[in-house]
N, C-alpha and C. Protein backbone atom coordinates (compact mmCIF):
# COMPACT_ATOMS: atom_id res chain seq x y z
N MET A 1 113.47 115.63 109.15
CA MET A 1 113.47 114.58 108.08
C MET A 1 112.84 115.17 106.73
N GLY A 2 113.55 114.81 105.75
CA GLY A 2 113.33 115.32 104.39
C GLY A 2 112.03 114.72 103.81
N LYS A 3 111.56 115.19 102.80
CA LYS A 3 110.32 114.70 102.10
C LYS A 3 110.73 113.38 101.30
N SER A 4 109.80 112.59 101.10
CA SER A 4 110.21 111.31 100.35
C SER A 4 108.87 111.09 99.41
N LEU A 5 109.22 110.39 98.27
CA LEU A 5 108.22 110.21 97.17
C LEU A 5 108.43 108.87 96.47
N LEU A 6 107.41 108.14 96.21
CA LEU A 6 107.41 106.88 95.29
C LEU A 6 106.95 107.30 94.00
N VAL A 7 107.64 107.08 92.93
CA VAL A 7 107.35 106.90 91.61
C VAL A 7 107.17 105.50 91.16
N SER A 8 105.74 105.17 90.84
CA SER A 8 105.62 103.65 90.91
C SER A 8 105.72 103.09 89.39
N ASN A 9 106.03 104.01 88.47
CA ASN A 9 106.22 103.56 87.04
C ASN A 9 107.28 104.45 86.38
N VAL A 10 107.81 104.06 85.34
CA VAL A 10 108.88 104.81 84.40
C VAL A 10 108.37 106.00 84.16
N LEU A 11 109.08 107.12 84.26
CA LEU A 11 108.61 108.41 83.76
C LEU A 11 109.85 108.94 82.89
N PRO A 12 109.30 109.92 81.84
CA PRO A 12 110.59 110.43 80.92
C PRO A 12 111.46 111.32 82.02
N ALA A 13 112.75 111.34 81.55
CA ALA A 13 113.74 112.05 82.20
C ALA A 13 113.28 113.54 82.57
N GLU A 14 112.65 114.09 81.58
CA GLU A 14 112.19 115.40 81.78
C GLU A 14 111.27 115.53 82.91
N ALA A 15 110.31 114.62 83.13
CA ALA A 15 109.26 114.71 84.21
C ALA A 15 110.15 114.44 85.55
N LEU A 16 111.11 113.50 85.59
CA LEU A 16 111.96 113.22 86.87
C LEU A 16 112.71 114.41 87.36
N ALA A 17 113.15 115.12 86.18
CA ALA A 17 114.03 116.39 86.51
C ALA A 17 113.17 117.53 87.20
N LEU A 18 111.93 117.50 87.22
CA LEU A 18 111.23 118.40 87.84
C LEU A 18 110.91 118.17 89.21
N ILE A 19 111.21 117.08 89.69
CA ILE A 19 111.15 116.85 91.21
C ILE A 19 112.43 117.42 91.78
N PRO A 20 112.00 118.22 92.83
CA PRO A 20 113.16 118.99 93.53
C PRO A 20 114.22 118.04 94.20
N LYS A 21 115.44 118.43 93.95
CA LYS A 21 116.52 117.57 94.46
C LYS A 21 116.46 117.18 95.86
N GLU A 22 115.89 118.03 96.81
CA GLU A 22 115.85 117.71 98.21
C GLU A 22 114.76 116.84 98.52
N ILE A 23 114.00 116.28 97.55
CA ILE A 23 112.99 115.05 97.88
C ILE A 23 113.64 113.79 97.55
N SER A 24 113.61 112.96 98.37
CA SER A 24 114.10 111.48 98.27
C SER A 24 113.10 110.76 97.44
N VAL A 25 113.67 110.15 96.26
CA VAL A 25 112.84 109.55 95.31
C VAL A 25 113.08 107.91 95.32
N ASP A 26 112.08 107.12 95.68
CA ASP A 26 112.06 105.77 95.35
C ASP A 26 111.31 105.38 93.99
N TYR A 27 112.18 105.11 93.16
CA TYR A 27 111.74 105.12 91.79
C TYR A 27 111.78 103.61 91.12
N HIS A 28 110.62 103.29 90.74
CA HIS A 28 110.44 101.71 90.11
C HIS A 28 110.59 102.03 88.60
N ASP A 29 111.66 101.91 88.14
CA ASP A 29 111.99 102.09 86.74
C ASP A 29 111.58 101.02 85.67
N SER A 30 110.29 100.86 85.60
CA SER A 30 109.85 99.88 84.83
C SER A 30 108.47 100.18 84.23
N LYS A 31 107.90 99.78 83.27
CA LYS A 31 106.66 99.97 82.68
C LYS A 31 105.77 98.94 83.50
N ASP A 32 106.15 97.97 84.03
CA ASP A 32 105.38 96.89 84.68
C ASP A 32 104.86 97.59 85.91
N VAL A 33 103.59 97.32 86.14
CA VAL A 33 102.76 97.95 87.35
C VAL A 33 103.41 97.18 88.61
N LEU A 34 103.62 97.96 89.72
CA LEU A 34 104.04 97.22 90.70
C LEU A 34 102.80 96.48 91.28
N PRO A 35 103.41 95.28 91.84
CA PRO A 35 102.24 94.43 92.57
C PRO A 35 101.68 95.09 93.72
N ARG A 36 100.35 95.04 93.90
CA ARG A 36 99.73 95.79 94.96
C ARG A 36 100.49 95.69 96.34
N PRO A 37 100.82 94.40 96.79
CA PRO A 37 101.33 94.41 98.15
C PRO A 37 102.84 95.18 98.04
N GLU A 38 103.53 95.15 97.02
CA GLU A 38 104.80 96.02 97.04
C GLU A 38 104.62 97.43 96.96
N LEU A 39 103.33 97.88 96.18
CA LEU A 39 103.08 99.16 96.07
C LEU A 39 102.91 99.78 97.54
N ILE A 40 101.90 98.98 98.21
CA ILE A 40 101.61 99.49 99.65
C ILE A 40 102.93 99.56 100.58
N ALA A 41 103.58 98.36 100.35
CA ALA A 41 104.90 98.37 101.31
C ALA A 41 105.89 99.54 101.06
N ARG A 42 106.02 99.79 99.59
CA ARG A 42 107.00 100.84 99.24
C ARG A 42 106.35 102.18 99.53
N LEU A 43 105.24 102.46 99.50
CA LEU A 43 104.62 103.78 99.85
C LEU A 43 104.54 104.20 101.43
N ARG A 44 104.66 103.20 102.33
CA ARG A 44 104.70 103.39 103.70
C ARG A 44 105.86 104.23 104.03
N GLY A 45 105.57 105.41 104.78
CA GLY A 45 106.54 106.34 105.17
C GLY A 45 106.75 107.33 104.19
N LYS A 46 106.18 107.32 103.07
CA LYS A 46 106.34 108.33 101.90
C LYS A 46 105.43 109.46 101.95
N ASP A 47 105.87 110.72 101.53
CA ASP A 47 104.88 111.99 101.74
C ASP A 47 104.19 112.01 100.49
N GLY A 48 104.39 111.23 99.32
CA GLY A 48 103.55 111.34 98.13
C GLY A 48 103.91 110.21 97.14
N LEU A 49 102.95 110.17 96.05
CA LEU A 49 103.01 109.10 95.07
C LEU A 49 102.76 109.70 93.75
N ILE A 50 103.65 109.20 92.75
CA ILE A 50 103.46 109.69 91.41
C ILE A 50 103.19 108.22 90.81
N CYS A 51 102.00 108.04 90.16
CA CYS A 51 101.70 106.79 89.55
C CYS A 51 100.92 107.08 88.12
N HIS A 52 100.99 105.95 87.45
CA HIS A 52 100.08 105.98 86.05
C HIS A 52 98.70 105.51 86.42
N ILE A 53 97.97 105.74 85.37
CA ILE A 53 96.54 105.42 85.54
C ILE A 53 96.29 104.06 85.66
N VAL A 54 97.36 103.02 85.33
CA VAL A 54 97.29 101.52 85.45
C VAL A 54 97.39 100.99 87.04
N SER A 55 97.74 101.97 87.82
CA SER A 55 98.01 101.70 89.32
C SER A 55 96.57 101.85 89.95
N ALA A 56 96.12 100.67 90.63
CA ALA A 56 94.87 100.69 91.49
C ALA A 56 95.10 101.42 92.74
N ILE A 57 94.57 102.58 92.75
CA ILE A 57 94.72 103.33 94.09
C ILE A 57 93.41 103.44 94.50
N ASP A 58 93.04 102.81 95.87
CA ASP A 58 91.83 102.89 96.68
C ASP A 58 92.10 103.11 98.12
N ASP A 59 91.16 102.72 98.86
CA ASP A 59 91.06 102.95 100.33
C ASP A 59 92.17 102.06 100.88
N GLU A 60 92.71 101.01 100.28
CA GLU A 60 93.68 100.00 100.84
C GLU A 60 95.09 100.67 100.71
N VAL A 61 95.40 101.42 99.84
CA VAL A 61 96.55 102.11 99.56
C VAL A 61 96.70 103.34 100.51
N PRO A 62 97.54 103.46 101.36
CA PRO A 62 97.72 104.62 102.16
C PRO A 62 97.84 106.01 101.68
N PRO A 63 96.77 106.83 101.80
CA PRO A 63 96.76 107.93 101.16
C PRO A 63 97.85 109.15 101.60
N ARG A 64 98.31 108.83 102.76
CA ARG A 64 99.42 109.92 103.38
C ARG A 64 99.96 109.12 104.55
N ARG A 65 101.11 109.77 104.81
CA ARG A 65 101.98 109.11 106.10
C ARG A 65 101.05 109.43 107.27
N PRO A 66 101.02 108.21 108.07
CA PRO A 66 100.20 108.36 109.36
C PRO A 66 100.97 109.42 110.24
N PRO A 67 100.04 110.29 111.01
CA PRO A 67 100.60 111.32 111.85
C PRO A 67 101.52 110.77 113.04
């Protein structure tokens, strides 16, 4: 199975272009912060997260894919 990533806020095209093509990207194309329940739901099963400082990341947000 390939790697997957959640991008929780809009990024410049130049930044998105740096993500390797073999990584599947779930992209929230908005300046609005993802609601916490949606952030947690969309992060499930992902290998990584790119977020802005406005996203509240704490112990409730899964830090990694469960083994």
